[in-house]
Amino acid sequence: MDVIQQTPSAETAENAAENTSAGKEKKTAKQIFANYFTATRIAYMAIFTAISYAIGLLDFALLPASPVDFLKLDFSNVFVLIGGFALGPAAGTVIAVLKELLHAITVGHTAFIGELANILMVLPYMLLPAIIYKKYKGIKTVLWTVAVGCVLQCAFSMPINYFLTFPAFSQAFGGTWEGGKQLFVNVWYWALLFNFIKCLCVSAAALLLYKPLSRLIKFTNEKFTGAKRAKKHKKEQTESQQVCSENK
């Protein structure tokens, strides 16, 4: 059997190549993070979070005939979905988490359990359309992905409502955790109908607002990027002139 022995120089060269490759990968990951979380994107994430939080306070009963009085509609997830489309799925996730965190801190009364349930329900609804839209643009992609997202949210809402939402609200208003589970078993069809109608309303509002907002975001980003490049170019010119003066 032939044995190929590696010389020290070859081993050193291989280690150097691996270190260089690792350095490149680390630098690339850092660049990807920096390129994604730009000043413009962070600013819009903050704006969308604030708007989502404010809109979330304006909730109202969607199904007056329902025996469950905490099934209320709000349009806070409109800007979560728009953020996912316009800024990317990671940005949409950040907006969803931050606006629920603000809600829990300011007006929440379920020890963040209700807000956690909202996050778990909205993420499947937002992530699928946002991820697919990154690669395949167009209204057809938006329509069928949002439709599938609605189905996913309704499907996820069933176990989440049973294990988290209904028990948390039951306990918050003087009931018991097990009593909340039993309440969901008795009125699950109302909860499912509520989530279906809510998805349709939020999706319709997001589709109406997306185009003008996406144009505004693109315009702002181009302006900011252009100004940043001009500033960088001016700085490089100044440094170059300083070097030339020192050489003289």
Protein backbone atom coordinates (compact mmCIF):
# COMPACT_ATOMS: atom_id res chain seq x y z
CA MET A 1 0.00 0.00 0.00
CA ASP A 2 1.38 3.37 -0.92
CA VAL A 3 1.51 6.00 1.81
CA ILE A 4 1.67 9.65 0.79
CA GLN A 5 3.60 11.64 3.37
CA GLN A 6 2.93 15.36 3.59
CA THR A 7 5.99 17.57 3.87
CA PRO A 8 6.10 20.35 6.50
CA SER A 9 6.03 23.01 3.81
CA ALA A 10 2.93 21.49 2.22
CA GLU A 11 1.24 21.23 5.62
CA THR A 12 2.10 24.84 6.41
CA ALA A 13 0.74 25.96 3.06
CA GLU A 14 -2.49 24.03 3.64
CA ASN A 15 -2.94 25.52 7.13
CA ALA A 16 -2.32 28.99 5.75
CA ALA A 17 -4.90 28.38 3.04
CA GLU A 18 -7.43 27.17 5.63
CA ASN A 19 -6.80 30.20 7.84
CA THR A 20 -7.19 32.51 4.86
CA SER A 21 -10.42 30.76 3.88
CA ALA A 22 -11.75 31.01 7.44
CA GLY A 23 -10.86 34.68 7.53
CA LYS A 24 -12.69 35.27 4.28
CA GLU A 25 -15.77 33.43 5.55
CA LYS A 26 -15.76 35.46 8.76
CA LYS A 27 -15.36 38.69 6.84
CA THR A 28 -18.08 37.70 4.39
CA ALA A 29 -20.53 36.93 7.21
CA LYS A 30 -19.76 40.28 8.80
CA GLN A 31 -20.26 42.04 5.50
CA ILE A 32 -23.57 40.28 4.92
CA PHE A 33 -24.80 41.40 8.35
CA ALA A 34 -23.60 44.97 7.77
CA ASN A 35 -25.09 45.09 4.28
CA TYR A 36 -28.46 43.81 5.51
CA PHE A 37 -28.84 45.99 8.62
CA THR A 38 -28.16 49.27 6.89
CA ALA A 39 -29.08 52.60 8.45
CA THR A 40 -32.07 52.92 6.10
CA ARG A 41 -33.36 49.43 6.89
CA ILE A 42 -32.93 49.92 10.65
CA ALA A 43 -34.76 53.25 10.45
CA TYR A 44 -37.71 51.71 8.61
CA MET A 45 -37.77 48.77 11.02
CA ALA A 46 -38.07 51.24 13.89
CA ILE A 47 -40.82 53.20 12.08
CA PHE A 48 -42.79 50.07 11.20
CA THR A 49 -42.45 48.78 14.76
CA ALA A 50 -43.80 52.05 16.18
CA ILE A 51 -46.70 52.12 13.70
CA SER A 52 -47.52 48.45 14.36
CA TYR A 53 -47.55 49.04 18.09
CA ALA A 54 -49.79 52.11 17.78
CA ILE A 55 -52.23 50.36 15.44
CA GLY A 56 -52.31 47.36 17.76
CA LEU A 57 -53.87 49.54 20.44
CA LEU A 58 -56.84 50.28 18.15
CA ASP A 59 -58.42 46.84 18.32
CA PHE A 60 -62.13 46.10 18.08
CA ALA A 61 -64.46 43.14 18.29
CA LEU A 62 -64.63 41.36 14.96
CA LEU A 63 -67.36 38.85 15.79
CA PRO A 64 -69.88 40.44 18.22
CA ALA A 65 -71.87 37.20 18.35
CA SER A 66 -68.85 35.26 19.59
CA PRO A 67 -68.99 34.12 23.24
CA VAL A 68 -65.28 35.02 23.57
CA ASP A 69 -64.81 38.76 24.13
CA PHE A 70 -61.01 38.86 23.64
CA LEU A 71 -61.14 37.87 19.97
CA LYS A 72 -60.41 41.38 18.69
CA LEU A 73 -59.08 42.50 15.33
CA ASP A 74 -56.21 44.93 14.91
CA PHE A 75 -54.13 45.76 11.86
CA SER A 76 -50.68 45.76 13.50
CA ASN A 77 -49.55 42.79 11.42
CA VAL A 78 -50.04 44.81 8.22
CA PHE A 79 -46.66 46.45 8.76
CA VAL A 80 -45.09 43.16 9.81
CA LEU A 81 -46.05 41.71 6.43
CA ILE A 82 -45.01 44.85 4.54
CA GLY A 83 -41.72 44.83 6.43
CA GLY A 84 -41.16 41.22 5.42
CA PHE A 85 -41.77 42.01 1.75
CA ALA A 86 -39.95 45.35 1.53
CA LEU A 87 -37.11 44.86 4.03
CA GLY A 88 -36.71 41.08 4.14
CA PRO A 89 -37.88 38.18 6.36
CA ALA A 90 -35.33 38.92 9.12
CA ALA A 91 -36.55 42.52 9.35
CA GLY A 92 -40.18 41.34 9.41
CA THR A 93 -39.34 39.01 12.30
CA VAL A 94 -37.67 41.82 14.24
CA ILE A 95 -40.70 44.07 13.73
CA ALA A 96 -43.09 41.32 14.88
CA VAL A 97 -41.07 40.62 18.03
CA LEU A 98 -40.44 44.26 18.97
CA LYS A 99 -44.04 45.41 18.59
CA GLU A 100 -45.27 42.52 20.77
CA LEU A 101 -42.56 43.25 23.33
CA LEU A 102 -43.68 46.89 23.49
CA HIS A 103 -47.29 45.73 23.88
CA ALA A 104 -46.36 43.37 26.71
CA ILE A 105 -44.40 46.06 28.57
CA THR A 106 -47.01 48.82 28.25
CA VAL A 107 -50.51 47.32 28.18
CA GLY A 108 -50.07 43.54 28.33
CA HIS A 109 -51.74 41.57 31.12
CA THR A 110 -50.85 37.96 30.29
CA ALA A 111 -47.18 37.97 31.40
CA PHE A 112 -46.04 38.03 27.74
CA ILE A 113 -47.83 34.72 27.03
CA GLY A 114 -50.46 36.31 24.80
CA GLU A 115 -47.79 38.28 22.96
CA LEU A 116 -45.66 35.16 22.53
CA ALA A 117 -48.68 33.39 21.03
CA ASN A 118 -49.17 36.29 18.60
CA ILE A 119 -45.53 36.04 17.50
CA LEU A 120 -45.79 32.29 16.94
CA MET A 121 -48.92 32.77 14.84
CA VAL A 122 -47.73 35.69 12.71
CA LEU A 123 -44.30 34.29 11.81
CA PRO A 124 -45.55 31.46 9.55
CA TYR A 125 -47.94 33.95 7.95
CA MET A 126 -45.16 36.45 7.22
CA LEU A 127 -42.04 34.32 6.68
CA LEU A 128 -43.22 32.12 3.80
CA PRO A 129 -44.32 35.02 1.54
CA ALA A 130 -41.28 37.13 2.47
CA ILE A 131 -38.74 34.35 1.80
CA ILE A 132 -40.24 33.30 -1.52
CA TYR A 133 -40.74 36.91 -2.65
CA LYS A 134 -37.00 37.53 -2.32
CA LYS A 135 -36.35 35.12 -5.23
CA TYR A 136 -39.58 35.31 -7.20
CA LYS A 137 -41.08 38.77 -7.59
CA GLY A 138 -44.51 39.54 -8.98
CA ILE A 139 -48.13 39.88 -7.92
CA LYS A 140 -48.87 36.20 -8.59
CA THR A 141 -46.16 35.17 -6.15
CA VAL A 142 -47.51 37.60 -3.56
CA LEU A 143 -51.09 36.38 -3.89
CA TRP A 144 -50.48 32.65 -3.64
CA THR A 145 -47.84 32.92 -0.91
CA VAL A 146 -50.03 35.19 1.21
CA ALA A 147 -52.92 32.74 0.71
CA VAL A 148 -50.74 29.87 1.89
CA GLY A 149 -49.50 32.06 4.75
CA CYS A 150 -53.11 32.58 5.86
CA VAL A 151 -53.69 28.82 5.85
CA LEU A 152 -50.52 28.31 7.89
CA GLN A 153 -51.54 30.92 10.45
CA CYS A 154 -54.97 29.36 10.84
CA ALA A 155 -53.41 25.91 11.24
CA PHE A 156 -50.83 27.11 13.77
CA SER A 157 -53.46 29.09 15.67
CA MET A 158 -55.32 25.96 16.75
CA PRO A 159 -52.67 24.40 19.05
CA ILE A 160 -51.34 27.84 20.07
CA ASN A 161 -54.80 29.00 21.12
CA TYR A 162 -55.38 25.77 23.02
CA PHE A 163 -52.06 25.67 24.86
CA LEU A 164 -51.30 29.40 25.25
CA THR A 165 -53.78 32.12 24.24
CA PHE A 166 -57.04 30.91 25.78
CA PRO A 167 -55.46 29.66 29.03
CA ALA A 168 -53.45 32.90 29.42
CA PHE A 169 -56.50 35.16 28.95
CA SER A 170 -58.61 32.92 31.17
CA GLN A 171 -56.08 33.20 33.98
CA ALA A 172 -55.65 36.95 33.43
CA PHE A 173 -59.40 37.51 33.96
CA GLY A 174 -59.78 35.37 37.08
CA GLY A 175 -60.20 31.94 35.53
CA THR A 176 -57.88 28.94 35.47
CA TRP A 177 -55.39 27.61 32.95
CA GLU A 178 -57.33 24.36 32.45
CA GLY A 179 -60.55 26.35 32.23
CA GLY A 180 -59.08 28.29 29.29
CA LYS A 181 -58.26 25.04 27.49
CA GLN A 182 -61.80 23.80 28.00
CA LEU A 183 -63.19 27.10 26.74
CA PHE A 184 -61.19 26.71 23.51
CA VAL A 185 -62.55 23.18 23.04
CA ASN A 186 -66.08 24.60 23.32
CA VAL A 187 -65.59 27.55 20.92
CA TRP A 188 -62.71 26.47 18.64
CA TYR A 189 -64.76 27.16 15.49
CA TRP A 190 -65.18 30.82 16.52
CA ALA A 191 -61.42 31.14 16.99
CA LEU A 192 -60.74 29.55 13.60
CA LEU A 193 -63.26 31.82 11.86
CA PHE A 194 -61.74 34.84 13.61
CA ASN A 195 -58.21 34.02 12.46
CA PHE A 196 -59.37 33.38 8.90
CA ILE A 197 -61.19 36.73 8.64
CA LYS A 198 -58.30 38.53 10.36
CA CYS A 199 -55.82 37.10 7.84
CA LEU A 200 -57.97 38.25 4.93
CA CYS A 201 -58.34 41.79 6.35
CA VAL A 202 -54.63 42.17 7.17
CA SER A 203 -53.58 40.76 3.78
CA ALA A 204 -55.90 43.09 1.87
CA ALA A 205 -54.64 46.14 3.76
CA ALA A 206 -50.99 45.11 3.26
CA LEU A 207 -51.47 44.61 -0.48
CA LEU A 208 -53.04 48.07 -0.80
CA LEU A 209 -50.23 49.81 1.08
CA TYR A 210 -47.23 47.79 -0.10
CA LYS A 211 -46.52 49.40 -3.48
CA PRO A 212 -46.40 53.05 -2.39
CA LEU A 213 -44.41 52.17 0.74
CA SER A 214 -41.92 49.99 -1.18
CA ARG A 215 -41.31 52.86 -3.64
CA LEU A 216 -40.71 55.24 -0.73
CA ILE A 217 -38.26 52.80 0.88
CA LYS A 218 -36.40 52.30 -2.40
CA PHE A 219 -36.22 56.04 -3.05
CA THR A 220 -34.97 56.76 0.49
CA ASN A 221 -32.39 53.99 0.28
CA GLU A 222 -31.06 55.27 -3.04
CA LYS A 223 -30.80 58.82 -1.69
CA PHE A 224 -29.03 57.69 1.47
CA THR A 225 -26.68 55.34 -0.40
CA GLY A 226 -25.83 58.09 -2.91
CA ALA A 227 -25.10 60.59 -0.14
CA LYS A 228 -22.99 58.02 1.70
CA ARG A 229 -20.94 57.23 -1.42
CA ALA A 230 -20.42 60.92 -2.14
CA LYS A 231 -19.22 61.50 1.43
CA LYS A 232 -16.85 58.53 1.20
CA HIS A 233 -15.51 59.73 -2.16
CA LYS A 234 -14.96 63.23 -0.77
CA LYS A 235 -13.12 61.78 2.23
CA GLU A 236 -10.88 59.69 -0.02
CA GLN A 237 -10.10 62.75 -2.15
CA THR A 238 -9.20 64.78 0.95
CA GLU A 239 -6.93 62.03 2.24
CA SER A 240 -5.29 61.72 -1.17
CA GLN A 241 -4.65 65.46 -1.30
CA GLN A 242 -3.14 65.36 2.19
CA VAL A 243 -0.78 62.54 1.17
CA CYS A 244 0.27 64.45 -1.94
CA SER A 245 0.97 67.59 0.14
CA GLU A 246 3.10 65.61 2.61
CA ASN A 247 5.11 64.02 -0.23
CA LYS A 248 5.85 67.44 -1.69
